[in-house]
Amino acid sequence: MPQCKDLAEVRENIDRLDRQIVPLLAERAGFVQQAAGFKPTKAAVVDTGRIEQIVLKVRHLANEEGMDPDLAEHIYRSMIEAFILFEAKVYKKIHPEE
């Protein structure tokens, strides 16, 4: 990671990363949308076992990257919560009778 010389450069780098992160989030949302079609019930939208697998994996990846694993976990739990809300909305659209 390059060392920035001022706050403006820090912000430029954050903006650069956001331009990379948002397309990845959009791609992830596409897969979450597809997952809603495979779930047999609305209750299946929340898979706590899978959530914990993701969190463990992310904590490990954070350690490998020299990132605080608690920060990575917090970010991912928030992101997963948002994607669960999105998937529930998609599920309801696909299965309006439930």
N, C-alpha and C. Protein backbone atom coordinates (compact mmCIF):
# COMPACT_ATOMS: atom_id res chain seq x y z
N MET A 1 0.84 -1.17 0.00
CA MET A 1 0.00 0.00 0.00
C MET A 1 0.90 1.24 0.00
N PRO A 2 0.64 2.16 -0.93
CA PRO A 2 1.47 3.37 -0.97
C PRO A 2 1.19 4.28 0.22
N GLN A 3 2.21 4.98 0.65
CA GLN A 3 2.07 5.95 1.73
C GLN A 3 1.61 7.28 1.14
N CYS A 4 0.52 7.80 1.60
CA CYS A 4 -0.02 9.05 1.07
C CYS A 4 0.65 10.25 1.73
N LYS A 5 0.73 11.35 0.97
CA LYS A 5 1.39 12.54 1.48
C LYS A 5 0.42 13.53 2.12
N ASP A 6 -0.91 13.34 1.84
CA ASP A 6 -1.89 14.24 2.45
C ASP A 6 -3.28 13.61 2.39
N LEU A 7 -4.24 14.27 3.03
CA LEU A 7 -5.60 13.75 3.09
C LEU A 7 -6.23 13.65 1.71
N ALA A 8 -5.94 14.58 0.84
CA ALA A 8 -6.50 14.53 -0.52
C ALA A 8 -6.08 13.24 -1.23
N GLU A 9 -4.83 12.85 -1.05
CA GLU A 9 -4.34 11.62 -1.68
C GLU A 9 -4.99 10.39 -1.05
N VAL A 10 -5.19 10.43 0.25
CA VAL A 10 -5.90 9.34 0.93
C VAL A 10 -7.29 9.19 0.32
N ARG A 11 -7.99 10.31 0.17
CA ARG A 11 -9.35 10.28 -0.38
C ARG A 11 -9.36 9.82 -1.83
N GLU A 12 -8.38 10.21 -2.60
CA GLU A 12 -8.29 9.75 -3.99
C GLU A 12 -8.16 8.23 -4.03
N ASN A 13 -7.35 7.68 -3.14
CA ASN A 13 -7.16 6.23 -3.10
C ASN A 13 -8.42 5.52 -2.63
N ILE A 14 -9.11 6.09 -1.66
CA ILE A 14 -10.37 5.50 -1.22
C ILE A 14 -11.38 5.52 -2.36
N ASP A 15 -11.46 6.63 -3.09
CA ASP A 15 -12.36 6.71 -4.25
C ASP A 15 -12.00 5.69 -5.31
N ARG A 16 -10.70 5.50 -5.54
CA ARG A 16 -10.23 4.51 -6.51
C ARG A 16 -10.67 3.11 -6.09
N LEU A 17 -10.53 2.81 -4.82
CA LEU A 17 -10.95 1.50 -4.32
C LEU A 17 -12.47 1.33 -4.41
N ASP A 18 -13.22 2.38 -4.10
CA ASP A 18 -14.68 2.30 -4.21
C ASP A 18 -15.11 1.98 -5.64
N ARG A 19 -14.38 2.51 -6.62
CA ARG A 19 -14.70 2.20 -8.02
C ARG A 19 -14.45 0.73 -8.34
N GLN A 20 -13.61 0.07 -7.57
CA GLN A 20 -13.37 -1.36 -7.74
C GLN A 20 -14.35 -2.19 -6.90
N ILE A 21 -14.68 -1.70 -5.71
CA ILE A 21 -15.53 -2.45 -4.78
C ILE A 21 -16.97 -2.50 -5.25
N VAL A 22 -17.51 -1.38 -5.72
CA VAL A 22 -18.94 -1.34 -6.09
C VAL A 22 -19.27 -2.33 -7.20
N PRO A 23 -18.48 -2.46 -8.25
CA PRO A 23 -18.79 -3.50 -9.24
C PRO A 23 -18.76 -4.91 -8.65
N LEU A 24 -17.89 -5.16 -7.71
CA LEU A 24 -17.85 -6.48 -7.06
C LEU A 24 -19.10 -6.70 -6.21
N LEU A 25 -19.55 -5.65 -5.52
CA LEU A 25 -20.79 -5.76 -4.75
C LEU A 25 -21.98 -6.00 -5.67
N ALA A 26 -21.98 -5.34 -6.82
CA ALA A 26 -23.05 -5.55 -7.80
C ALA A 26 -23.05 -7.00 -8.29
N GLU A 27 -21.88 -7.53 -8.54
CA GLU A 27 -21.77 -8.93 -8.97
C GLU A 27 -22.26 -9.87 -7.86
N ARG A 28 -21.87 -9.57 -6.63
CA ARG A 28 -22.32 -10.39 -5.48
C ARG A 28 -23.84 -10.33 -5.36
N ALA A 29 -24.41 -9.14 -5.56
CA ALA A 29 -25.87 -8.98 -5.50
C ALA A 29 -26.55 -9.83 -6.56
N GLY A 30 -25.94 -9.94 -7.72
CA GLY A 30 -26.50 -10.78 -8.78
C GLY A 30 -26.56 -12.24 -8.36
N PHE A 31 -25.54 -12.70 -7.68
CA PHE A 31 -25.54 -14.08 -7.21
C PHE A 31 -26.53 -14.27 -6.06
N VAL A 32 -26.65 -13.28 -5.19
CA VAL A 32 -27.64 -13.34 -4.11
C VAL A 32 -29.04 -13.40 -4.70
N GLN A 33 -29.25 -12.63 -5.75
CA GLN A 33 -30.55 -12.64 -6.43
C GLN A 33 -30.84 -14.03 -6.98
N GLN A 34 -29.85 -14.66 -7.58
CA GLN A 34 -30.03 -16.02 -8.09
C GLN A 34 -30.30 -17.00 -6.96
N ALA A 35 -29.63 -16.82 -5.83
CA ALA A 35 -29.81 -17.72 -4.69
C ALA A 35 -31.26 -17.72 -4.22
N ALA A 36 -31.91 -16.57 -4.26
CA ALA A 36 -33.31 -16.48 -3.82
C ALA A 36 -34.19 -17.44 -4.61
N GLY A 37 -33.87 -17.67 -5.85
CA GLY A 37 -34.64 -18.59 -6.68
C GLY A 37 -34.47 -20.05 -6.30
N PHE A 38 -33.37 -20.36 -5.63
CA PHE A 38 -33.10 -21.74 -5.24
C PHE A 38 -33.59 -22.06 -3.83
N LYS A 39 -33.94 -21.05 -3.06
CA LYS A 39 -34.36 -21.27 -1.67
C LYS A 39 -35.78 -21.81 -1.63
N PRO A 40 -36.01 -22.90 -0.90
CA PRO A 40 -37.34 -23.52 -0.89
C PRO A 40 -38.37 -22.76 -0.06
N THR A 41 -37.90 -22.00 0.93
CA THR A 41 -38.81 -21.24 1.79
C THR A 41 -38.19 -19.87 2.10
N LYS A 42 -39.04 -18.96 2.56
CA LYS A 42 -38.54 -17.64 2.95
C LYS A 42 -37.57 -17.76 4.12
N ALA A 43 -37.83 -18.71 5.03
CA ALA A 43 -36.94 -18.92 6.17
C ALA A 43 -35.54 -19.33 5.74
N ALA A 44 -35.43 -19.97 4.59
CA ALA A 44 -34.13 -20.43 4.10
C ALA A 44 -33.25 -19.28 3.63
N VAL A 45 -33.82 -18.09 3.50
CA VAL A 45 -33.03 -16.93 3.08
C VAL A 45 -31.92 -16.67 4.10
N VAL A 46 -32.20 -16.88 5.37
CA VAL A 46 -31.19 -16.70 6.42
C VAL A 46 -30.60 -18.07 6.76
N ASP A 47 -29.34 -18.26 6.40
CA ASP A 47 -28.64 -19.52 6.66
C ASP A 47 -27.49 -19.22 7.62
N THR A 48 -27.76 -19.36 8.91
CA THR A 48 -26.77 -18.98 9.92
C THR A 48 -25.49 -19.80 9.81
N GLY A 49 -25.60 -21.06 9.43
CA GLY A 49 -24.40 -21.87 9.25
C GLY A 49 -23.51 -21.30 8.16
N ARG A 50 -24.11 -20.90 7.06
CA ARG A 50 -23.36 -20.31 5.95
C ARG A 50 -22.76 -18.97 6.36
N ILE A 51 -23.51 -18.18 7.10
CA ILE A 51 -23.00 -16.89 7.56
C ILE A 51 -21.73 -17.09 8.38
N GLU A 52 -21.76 -18.04 9.30
CA GLU A 52 -20.59 -18.28 10.15
C GLU A 52 -19.42 -18.80 9.34
N GLN A 53 -19.68 -19.62 8.31
CA GLN A 53 -18.60 -20.08 7.42
C GLN A 53 -17.94 -18.89 6.73
N ILE A 54 -18.77 -17.98 6.23
CA ILE A 54 -18.24 -16.79 5.54
C ILE A 54 -17.40 -15.95 6.49
N VAL A 55 -17.91 -15.75 7.69
CA VAL A 55 -17.19 -14.92 8.67
C VAL A 55 -15.84 -15.54 9.02
N LEU A 56 -15.81 -16.84 9.25
CA LEU A 56 -14.53 -17.50 9.55
C LEU A 56 -13.55 -17.36 8.39
N LYS A 57 -14.05 -17.55 7.17
CA LYS A 57 -13.20 -17.42 5.99
C LYS A 57 -12.64 -16.01 5.87
N VAL A 58 -13.51 -15.02 6.09
CA VAL A 58 -13.11 -13.62 5.96
C VAL A 58 -12.10 -13.23 7.05
N ARG A 59 -12.30 -13.73 8.25
CA ARG A 59 -11.33 -13.45 9.33
C ARG A 59 -9.96 -14.02 8.95
N HIS A 60 -9.94 -15.21 8.38
CA HIS A 60 -8.69 -15.82 7.94
C HIS A 60 -8.04 -14.98 6.83
N LEU A 61 -8.85 -14.59 5.84
CA LEU A 61 -8.31 -13.77 4.75
C LEU A 61 -7.78 -12.44 5.26
N ALA A 62 -8.50 -11.83 6.21
CA ALA A 62 -8.05 -10.57 6.79
C ALA A 62 -6.68 -10.75 7.45
N ASN A 63 -6.52 -11.82 8.21
CA ASN A 63 -5.21 -12.09 8.84
C ASN A 63 -4.12 -12.20 7.79
N GLU A 64 -4.40 -12.90 6.70
CA GLU A 64 -3.41 -13.06 5.63
C GLU A 64 -3.03 -11.72 5.01
N GLU A 65 -3.98 -10.78 4.97
CA GLU A 65 -3.74 -9.48 4.35
C GLU A 65 -3.23 -8.43 5.34
N GLY A 66 -3.06 -8.83 6.60
CA GLY A 66 -2.59 -7.89 7.61
C GLY A 66 -3.68 -6.92 8.06
N MET A 67 -4.93 -7.34 7.90
CA MET A 67 -6.07 -6.51 8.30
C MET A 67 -6.59 -6.99 9.65
N ASP A 68 -7.12 -6.09 10.42
CA ASP A 68 -7.74 -6.45 11.70
C ASP A 68 -8.93 -7.37 11.41
N PRO A 69 -8.88 -8.62 11.87
CA PRO A 69 -9.98 -9.55 11.58
C PRO A 69 -11.31 -9.13 12.19
N ASP A 70 -11.28 -8.41 13.31
CA ASP A 70 -12.53 -7.91 13.90
C ASP A 70 -13.20 -6.90 12.98
N LEU A 71 -12.39 -6.04 12.36
CA LEU A 71 -12.93 -5.06 11.41
C LEU A 71 -13.54 -5.77 10.21
N ALA A 72 -12.83 -6.75 9.67
CA ALA A 72 -13.35 -7.50 8.52
C ALA A 72 -14.65 -8.19 8.88
N GLU A 73 -14.71 -8.80 10.07
CA GLU A 73 -15.93 -9.47 10.49
C GLU A 73 -17.08 -8.49 10.61
N HIS A 74 -16.83 -7.35 11.21
CA HIS A 74 -17.89 -6.35 11.38
C HIS A 74 -18.42 -5.88 10.02
N ILE A 75 -17.52 -5.61 9.09
CA ILE A 75 -17.92 -5.18 7.74
C ILE A 75 -18.76 -6.27 7.08
N TYR A 76 -18.29 -7.50 7.15
CA TYR A 76 -19.00 -8.59 6.48
C TYR A 76 -20.34 -8.89 7.12
N ARG A 77 -20.42 -8.83 8.43
CA ARG A 77 -21.72 -9.07 9.07
C ARG A 77 -22.73 -7.99 8.66
N SER A 78 -22.28 -6.76 8.56
CA SER A 78 -23.16 -5.68 8.11
C SER A 78 -23.57 -5.89 6.65
N MET A 79 -22.61 -6.27 5.82
CA MET A 79 -22.88 -6.51 4.41
C MET A 79 -23.84 -7.68 4.24
N ILE A 80 -23.61 -8.75 4.98
CA ILE A 80 -24.48 -9.92 4.89
C ILE A 80 -25.90 -9.55 5.31
N GLU A 81 -26.03 -8.76 6.36
CA GLU A 81 -27.36 -8.33 6.80
C GLU A 81 -28.08 -7.57 5.69
N ALA A 82 -27.36 -6.68 5.01
CA ALA A 82 -27.95 -5.93 3.90
C ALA A 82 -28.34 -6.86 2.75
N PHE A 83 -27.49 -7.84 2.44
CA PHE A 83 -27.81 -8.78 1.37
C PHE A 83 -28.97 -9.70 1.75
N ILE A 84 -29.12 -10.01 3.02
CA ILE A 84 -30.27 -10.81 3.46
C ILE A 84 -31.56 -10.04 3.21
N LEU A 85 -31.57 -8.76 3.54
CA LEU A 85 -32.75 -7.92 3.28
C LEU A 85 -33.06 -7.89 1.78
N PHE A 86 -32.01 -7.76 0.97
CA PHE A 86 -32.17 -7.74 -0.48
C PHE A 86 -32.72 -9.08 -0.98
N GLU A 87 -32.15 -10.17 -0.48
CA GLU A 87 -32.59 -11.50 -0.92
C GLU A 87 -34.03 -11.76 -0.50
N ALA A 88 -34.41 -11.32 0.69
CA ALA A 88 -35.80 -11.49 1.15
C ALA A 88 -36.76 -10.74 0.23
N LYS A 89 -36.36 -9.56 -0.21
CA LYS A 89 -37.18 -8.78 -1.14
C LYS A 89 -37.31 -9.50 -2.48
N VAL A 90 -36.22 -10.03 -2.98
CA VAL A 90 -36.23 -10.78 -4.23
C VAL A 90 -37.08 -12.03 -4.08
N TYR A 91 -36.90 -12.74 -2.96
CA TYR A 91 -37.67 -13.96 -2.71
C TYR A 91 -39.16 -13.67 -2.75
N LYS A 92 -39.55 -12.58 -2.11
CA LYS A 92 -40.97 -12.21 -2.07
C LYS A 92 -41.51 -11.92 -3.48
N LYS A 93 -40.67 -11.32 -4.32
CA LYS A 93 -41.06 -11.03 -5.70
C LYS A 93 -41.23 -12.33 -6.50
N ILE A 94 -40.34 -13.29 -6.27
CA ILE A 94 -40.39 -14.56 -6.97
C ILE A 94 -41.53 -15.44 -6.47
N HIS A 95 -41.78 -15.38 -5.16
CA HIS A 95 -42.80 -16.22 -4.52
C HIS A 95 -43.85 -15.33 -3.84
N PRO A 96 -44.65 -14.61 -4.60
CA PRO A 96 -45.59 -13.67 -3.98
C PRO A 96 -46.68 -14.33 -3.13
N GLU A 97 -46.90 -15.62 -3.32
CA GLU A 97 -47.95 -16.32 -2.61
C GLU A 97 -47.61 -16.60 -1.14
N GLU A 98 -46.33 -16.47 -0.77
CA GLU A 98 -45.92 -16.75 0.63
C GLU A 98 -46.05 -15.52 1.49
